[in-house]
Amino acid sequence: MADEQGADYIDDADIEPPLARLMDTLAFDTVPPARRLIELLKERGWAGWTKLERVEPVRSER
């Protein structure tokens, strides 16, 4: 979707950084698969859980 509609379309949530960090921590602590999903996002060039942003893709060490 980001390729078709632009990265700004994906990050349309107007969330302050402290709240985003709090929500990310809550997801990581309560949903065990969340950390693996974050790894997969990073491999594909995305970072964040609550507030997505484009980053340089990271190769997994698996």
PDB file of N, CA and C in Angstrom:
ATOM      1  N   MET A   1       0.812  -1.190   0.000  1.00  0.00           N
ATOM      2  CA  MET A   1       0.000   0.000   0.000  1.00  0.00           C
ATOM      3  C   MET A   1       0.861   1.260   0.000  1.00  0.00           C
ATOM      4  N   ALA A   2       1.981   1.219   0.759  1.00  0.00           N
ATOM      5  CA  ALA A   2       2.834   2.401   0.817  1.00  0.00           C
ATOM      6  C   ALA A   2       3.415   2.711  -0.550  1.00  0.00           C
ATOM      7  N   ASP A   3       3.757   1.670  -1.319  1.00  0.00           N
ATOM      8  CA  ASP A   3       4.300   1.895  -2.653  1.00  0.00           C
ATOM      9  C   ASP A   3       3.256   2.520  -3.573  1.00  0.00           C
ATOM     10  N   GLU A   4       2.013   2.122  -3.409  1.00  0.00           N
ATOM     11  CA  GLU A   4       0.946   2.632  -4.264  1.00  0.00           C
ATOM     12  C   GLU A   4       0.451   4.009  -3.832  1.00  0.00           C
ATOM     13  N   GLN A   5       0.316   4.214  -2.512  1.00  0.00           N
ATOM     14  CA  GLN A   5      -0.301   5.450  -2.025  1.00  0.00           C
ATOM     15  C   GLN A   5       0.660   6.368  -1.275  1.00  0.00           C
ATOM     16  N   GLY A   6       1.904   5.946  -1.111  1.00  0.00           N
ATOM     17  CA  GLY A   6       2.895   6.768  -0.423  1.00  0.00           C
ATOM     18  C   GLY A   6       3.012   6.400   1.046  1.00  0.00           C
ATOM     19  N   ALA A   7       4.202   6.572   1.591  1.00  0.00           N
ATOM     20  CA  ALA A   7       4.465   6.211   2.987  1.00  0.00           C
ATOM     21  C   ALA A   7       3.616   7.024   3.954  1.00  0.00           C
ATOM     22  N   ASP A   8       3.262   8.261   3.586  1.00  0.00           N
ATOM     23  CA  ASP A   8       2.447   9.090   4.478  1.00  0.00           C
ATOM     24  C   ASP A   8       1.071   8.465   4.707  1.00  0.00           C
ATOM     25  N   TYR A   9       0.580   7.711   3.747  1.00  0.00           N
ATOM     26  CA  TYR A   9      -0.716   7.045   3.904  1.00  0.00           C
ATOM     27  C   TYR A   9      -0.657   6.022   5.026  1.00  0.00           C
ATOM     28  N   ILE A  10       0.453   5.307   5.128  1.00  0.00           N
ATOM     29  CA  ILE A  10       0.610   4.286   6.156  1.00  0.00           C
ATOM     30  C   ILE A  10       0.746   4.921   7.529  1.00  0.00           C
ATOM     31  N   ASP A  11       1.469   6.026   7.625  1.00  0.00           N
ATOM     32  CA  ASP A  11       1.705   6.686   8.903  1.00  0.00           C
ATOM     33  C   ASP A  11       0.782   7.883   9.058  1.00  0.00           C
ATOM     34  N   ASP A  12      -0.513   7.629   9.072  1.00  0.00           N
ATOM     35  CA  ASP A  12      -1.450   8.729   9.210  1.00  0.00           C
ATOM     36  C   ASP A  12      -1.926   8.905  10.646  1.00  0.00           C
ATOM     37  N   ALA A  13      -1.379   8.106  11.581  1.00  0.00           N
ATOM     38  CA  ALA A  13      -1.754   8.228  12.982  1.00  0.00           C
ATOM     39  C   ALA A  13      -1.001   9.393  13.613  1.00  0.00           C
ATOM     40  N   ASP A  14      -1.743  10.292  14.193  1.00  0.00           N
ATOM     41  CA  ASP A  14      -1.138  11.455  14.843  1.00  0.00           C
ATOM     42  C   ASP A  14      -0.931  11.130  16.317  1.00  0.00           C
ATOM     43  N   ILE A  15       0.096  10.311  16.587  1.00  0.00           N
ATOM     44  CA  ILE A  15       0.376   9.841  17.936  1.00  0.00           C
ATOM     45  C   ILE A  15       1.716  10.403  18.381  1.00  0.00           C
ATOM     46  N   GLU A  16       1.742  10.962  19.571  1.00  0.00           N
ATOM     47  CA  GLU A  16       2.982  11.508  20.122  1.00  0.00           C
ATOM     48  C   GLU A  16       3.965  10.373  20.410  1.00  0.00           C
ATOM     49  N   PRO A  17       5.268  10.586  20.213  1.00  0.00           N
ATOM     50  CA  PRO A  17       6.271   9.536  20.430  1.00  0.00           C
ATOM     51  C   PRO A  17       6.207   8.843  21.797  1.00  0.00           C
ATOM     52  N   PRO A  18       6.001   9.561  22.920  1.00  0.00           N
ATOM     53  CA  PRO A  18       5.935   8.838  24.200  1.00  0.00           C
ATOM     54  C   PRO A  18       4.761   7.850  24.256  1.00  0.00           C
ATOM     55  N   LEU A  19       3.626   8.231  23.687  1.00  0.00           N
ATOM     56  CA  LEU A  19       2.476   7.324  23.669  1.00  0.00           C
ATOM     57  C   LEU A  19       2.748   6.138  22.752  1.00  0.00           C
ATOM     58  N   ALA A  20       3.386   6.363  21.628  1.00  0.00           N
ATOM     59  CA  ALA A  20       3.731   5.270  20.712  1.00  0.00           C
ATOM     60  C   ALA A  20       4.663   4.276  21.396  1.00  0.00           C
ATOM     61  N   ARG A  21       5.682   4.780  22.124  1.00  0.00           N
ATOM     62  CA  ARG A  21       6.594   3.878  22.846  1.00  0.00           C
ATOM     63  C   ARG A  21       5.853   3.074  23.904  1.00  0.00           C
ATOM     64  N   LEU A  22       4.945   3.723  24.619  1.00  0.00           N
ATOM     65  CA  LEU A  22       4.148   3.032  25.635  1.00  0.00           C
ATOM     66  C   LEU A  22       3.289   1.936  25.011  1.00  0.00           C
ATOM     67  N   MET A  23       2.646   2.238  23.903  1.00  0.00           N
ATOM     68  CA  MET A  23       1.799   1.250  23.232  1.00  0.00           C
ATOM     69  C   MET A  23       2.633   0.108  22.665  1.00  0.00           C
ATOM     70  N   ASP A  24       3.818   0.420  22.131  1.00  0.00           N
ATOM     71  CA  ASP A  24       4.711  -0.626  21.631  1.00  0.00           C
ATOM     72  C   ASP A  24       5.125  -1.555  22.765  1.00  0.00           C
ATOM     73  N   THR A  25       5.511  -0.990  23.903  1.00  0.00           N
ATOM     74  CA  THR A  25       5.924  -1.796  25.048  1.00  0.00           C
ATOM     75  C   THR A  25       4.784  -2.684  25.512  1.00  0.00           C
ATOM     76  N   LEU A  26       3.591  -2.147  25.560  1.00  0.00           N
ATOM     77  CA  LEU A  26       2.427  -2.938  25.949  1.00  0.00           C
ATOM     78  C   LEU A  26       2.224  -4.113  24.997  1.00  0.00           C
ATOM     79  N   ALA A  27       2.330  -3.864  23.706  1.00  0.00           N
ATOM     80  CA  ALA A  27       2.168  -4.950  22.723  1.00  0.00           C
ATOM     81  C   ALA A  27       3.248  -6.002  22.904  1.00  0.00           C
ATOM     82  N   PHE A  28       4.503  -5.578  23.072  1.00  0.00           N
ATOM     83  CA  PHE A  28       5.607  -6.536  23.220  1.00  0.00           C
ATOM     84  C   PHE A  28       5.457  -7.372  24.480  1.00  0.00           C
ATOM     85  N   ASP A  29       4.957  -6.761  25.557  1.00  0.00           N
ATOM     86  CA  ASP A  29       4.848  -7.469  26.832  1.00  0.00           C
ATOM     87  C   ASP A  29       3.623  -8.370  26.922  1.00  0.00           C
ATOM     88  N   THR A  30       2.590  -8.098  26.148  1.00  0.00           N
ATOM     89  CA  THR A  30       1.358  -8.872  26.272  1.00  0.00           C
ATOM     90  C   THR A  30       1.078  -9.814  25.096  1.00  0.00           C
ATOM     91  N   VAL A  31       1.734  -9.581  23.968  1.00  0.00           N
ATOM     92  CA  VAL A  31       1.513 -10.413  22.779  1.00  0.00           C
ATOM     93  C   VAL A  31       2.864 -11.005  22.356  1.00  0.00           C
ATOM     94  N   PRO A  32       3.146 -12.237  22.790  1.00  0.00           N
ATOM     95  CA  PRO A  32       4.462 -12.831  22.504  1.00  0.00           C
ATOM     96  C   PRO A  32       4.892 -12.777  21.037  1.00  0.00           C
ATOM     97  N   PRO A  33       4.028 -13.007  20.060  1.00  0.00           N
ATOM     98  CA  PRO A  33       4.485 -12.966  18.668  1.00  0.00           C
ATOM     99  C   PRO A  33       4.822 -11.557  18.156  1.00  0.00           C
ATOM    100  N   ALA A  34       4.521 -10.520  18.923  1.00  0.00           N
ATOM    101  CA  ALA A  34       4.747  -9.152  18.459  1.00  0.00           C
ATOM    102  C   ALA A  34       6.220  -8.891  18.155  1.00  0.00           C
ATOM    103  N   ARG A  35       7.114  -9.407  18.968  1.00  0.00           N
ATOM    104  CA  ARG A  35       8.545  -9.171  18.728  1.00  0.00           C
ATOM    105  C   ARG A  35       8.996  -9.802  17.411  1.00  0.00           C
ATOM    106  N   ARG A  36       8.493 -10.974  17.101  1.00  0.00           N
ATOM    107  CA  ARG A  36       8.849 -11.623  15.818  1.00  0.00           C
ATOM    108  C   ARG A  36       8.272 -10.823  14.655  1.00  0.00           C
ATOM    109  N   LEU A  37       7.074 -10.315  14.823  1.00  0.00           N
ATOM    110  CA  LEU A  37       6.478  -9.496  13.765  1.00  0.00           C
ATOM    111  C   LEU A  37       7.314  -8.244  13.514  1.00  0.00           C
ATOM    112  N   ILE A  38       7.853  -7.646  14.573  1.00  0.00           N
ATOM    113  CA  ILE A  38       8.718  -6.476  14.418  1.00  0.00           C
ATOM    114  C   ILE A  38       9.973  -6.845  13.642  1.00  0.00           C
ATOM    115  N   GLU A  39      10.542  -8.025  13.931  1.00  0.00           N
ATOM    116  CA  GLU A  39      11.713  -8.488  13.174  1.00  0.00           C
ATOM    117  C   GLU A  39      11.387  -8.599  11.691  1.00  0.00           C
ATOM    118  N   LEU A  40      10.230  -9.168  11.388  1.00  0.00           N
ATOM    119  CA  LEU A  40       9.816  -9.324   9.990  1.00  0.00           C
ATOM    120  C   LEU A  40       9.609  -7.963   9.323  1.00  0.00           C
ATOM    121  N   LEU A  41       9.022  -7.028  10.048  1.00  0.00           N
ATOM    122  CA  LEU A  41       8.841  -5.680   9.505  1.00  0.00           C
ATOM    123  C   LEU A  41      10.186  -5.047   9.179  1.00  0.00           C
ATOM    124  N   LYS A  42      11.162  -5.174  10.091  1.00  0.00           N
ATOM    125  CA  LYS A  42      12.486  -4.586   9.875  1.00  0.00           C
ATOM    126  C   LYS A  42      13.158  -5.188   8.652  1.00  0.00           C
ATOM    127  N   GLU A  43      12.982  -6.499   8.447  1.00  0.00           N
ATOM    128  CA  GLU A  43      13.562  -7.146   7.269  1.00  0.00           C
ATOM    129  C   GLU A  43      12.980  -6.581   5.984  1.00  0.00           C
ATOM    130  N   ARG A  44      11.771  -6.071   6.065  1.00  0.00           N
ATOM    131  CA  ARG A  44      11.088  -5.548   4.885  1.00  0.00           C
ATOM    132  C   ARG A  44      11.170  -4.023   4.773  1.00  0.00           C
ATOM    133  N   GLY A  45      11.935  -3.396   5.696  1.00  0.00           N
ATOM    134  CA  GLY A  45      12.149  -1.958   5.593  1.00  0.00           C
ATOM    135  C   GLY A  45      11.171  -1.091   6.354  1.00  0.00           C
ATOM    136  N   TRP A  46      10.614  -1.606   7.433  1.00  0.00           N
ATOM    137  CA  TRP A  46       9.688  -0.841   8.257  1.00  0.00           C
ATOM    138  C   TRP A  46      10.097  -0.943   9.711  1.00  0.00           C
ATOM    139  N   ALA A  47       9.806   0.083  10.495  1.00  0.00           N
ATOM    140  CA  ALA A  47      10.072   0.068  11.929  1.00  0.00           C
ATOM    141  C   ALA A  47       8.841   0.595  12.651  1.00  0.00           C
ATOM    142  N   GLY A  48       8.696   0.140  13.873  1.00  0.00           N
ATOM    143  CA  GLY A  48       7.578   0.596  14.695  1.00  0.00           C
ATOM    144  C   GLY A  48       6.436  -0.393  14.709  1.00  0.00           C
ATOM    145  N   TRP A  49       5.603  -0.237  15.665  1.00  0.00           N
ATOM    146  CA  TRP A  49       4.415  -1.080  15.802  1.00  0.00           C
ATOM    147  C   TRP A  49       3.202  -0.165  15.768  1.00  0.00           C
ATOM    148  N   THR A  50       3.208   0.813  16.628  1.00  0.00           N
ATOM    149  CA  THR A  50       2.102   1.753  16.710  1.00  0.00           C
ATOM    150  C   THR A  50       2.212   2.817  15.634  1.00  0.00           C
ATOM    151  N   LYS A  51       3.419   3.237  15.356  1.00  0.00           N
ATOM    152  CA  LYS A  51       3.671   4.296  14.369  1.00  0.00           C
ATOM    153  C   LYS A  51       4.722   3.785  13.389  1.00  0.00           C
ATOM    154  N   LEU A  52       4.279   3.302  12.251  1.00  0.00           N
ATOM    155  CA  LEU A  52       5.181   2.742  11.246  1.00  0.00           C
ATOM    156  C   LEU A  52       5.989   3.829  10.554  1.00  0.00           C
ATOM    157  N   GLU A  53       7.231   3.480  10.221  1.00  0.00           N
ATOM    158  CA  GLU A  53       8.070   4.383   9.431  1.00  0.00           C
ATOM    159  C   GLU A  53       9.007   3.553   8.571  1.00  0.00           C
ATOM    160  N   ARG A  54       9.372   4.104   7.424  1.00  0.00           N
ATOM    161  CA  ARG A  54      10.311   3.435   6.516  1.00  0.00           C
ATOM    162  C   ARG A  54      11.714   3.510   7.085  1.00  0.00           C
ATOM    163  N   VAL A  55      12.444   2.397   6.995  1.00  0.00           N
ATOM    164  CA  VAL A  55      13.852   2.326   7.400  1.00  0.00           C
ATOM    165  C   VAL A  55      14.590   1.458   6.392  1.00  0.00           C
ATOM    166  N   GLU A  56      15.904   1.453   6.496  1.00  0.00           N
ATOM    167  CA  GLU A  56      16.711   0.570   5.657  1.00  0.00           C
ATOM    168  C   GLU A  56      16.435  -0.877   6.088  1.00  0.00           C
ATOM    169  N   PRO A  57      16.124  -1.768   5.158  1.00  0.00           N
ATOM    170  CA  PRO A  57      15.866  -3.165   5.531  1.00  0.00           C
ATOM    171  C   PRO A  57      17.047  -3.775   6.279  1.00  0.00           C
ATOM    172  N   VAL A  58      16.746  -4.595   7.271  1.00  0.00           N
ATOM    173  CA  VAL A  58      17.758  -5.255   8.095  1.00  0.00           C
ATOM    174  C   VAL A  58      17.687  -6.743   7.829  1.00  0.00           C
ATOM    175  N   ARG A  59      18.827  -7.345   7.523  1.00  0.00           N
ATOM    176  CA  ARG A  59      18.878  -8.790   7.295  1.00  0.00           C
ATOM    177  C   ARG A  59      18.822  -9.531   8.604  1.00  0.00           C
ATOM    178  N   SER A  60      18.006 -10.568   8.672  1.00  0.00           N
ATOM    179  CA  SER A  60      17.901 -11.404   9.859  1.00  0.00           C
ATOM    180  C   SER A  60      19.145 -12.265   9.996  1.00  0.00           C
ATOM    181  N   GLU A  61      19.536 -12.554  11.230  1.00  0.00           N
ATOM    182  CA  GLU A  61      20.709 -13.379  11.491  1.00  0.00           C
ATOM    183  C   GLU A  61      20.317 -14.848  11.635  1.00  0.00           C
ATOM    184  N   ARG A  62      19.157 -15.211  11.248  1.00  0.00           N
ATOM    185  CA  ARG A  62      18.684 -16.606  11.372  1.00  0.00           C
ATOM    186  C   ARG A  62      19.232 -17.460  10.305  1.00  0.00           C
TER     187      ARG A  62
END
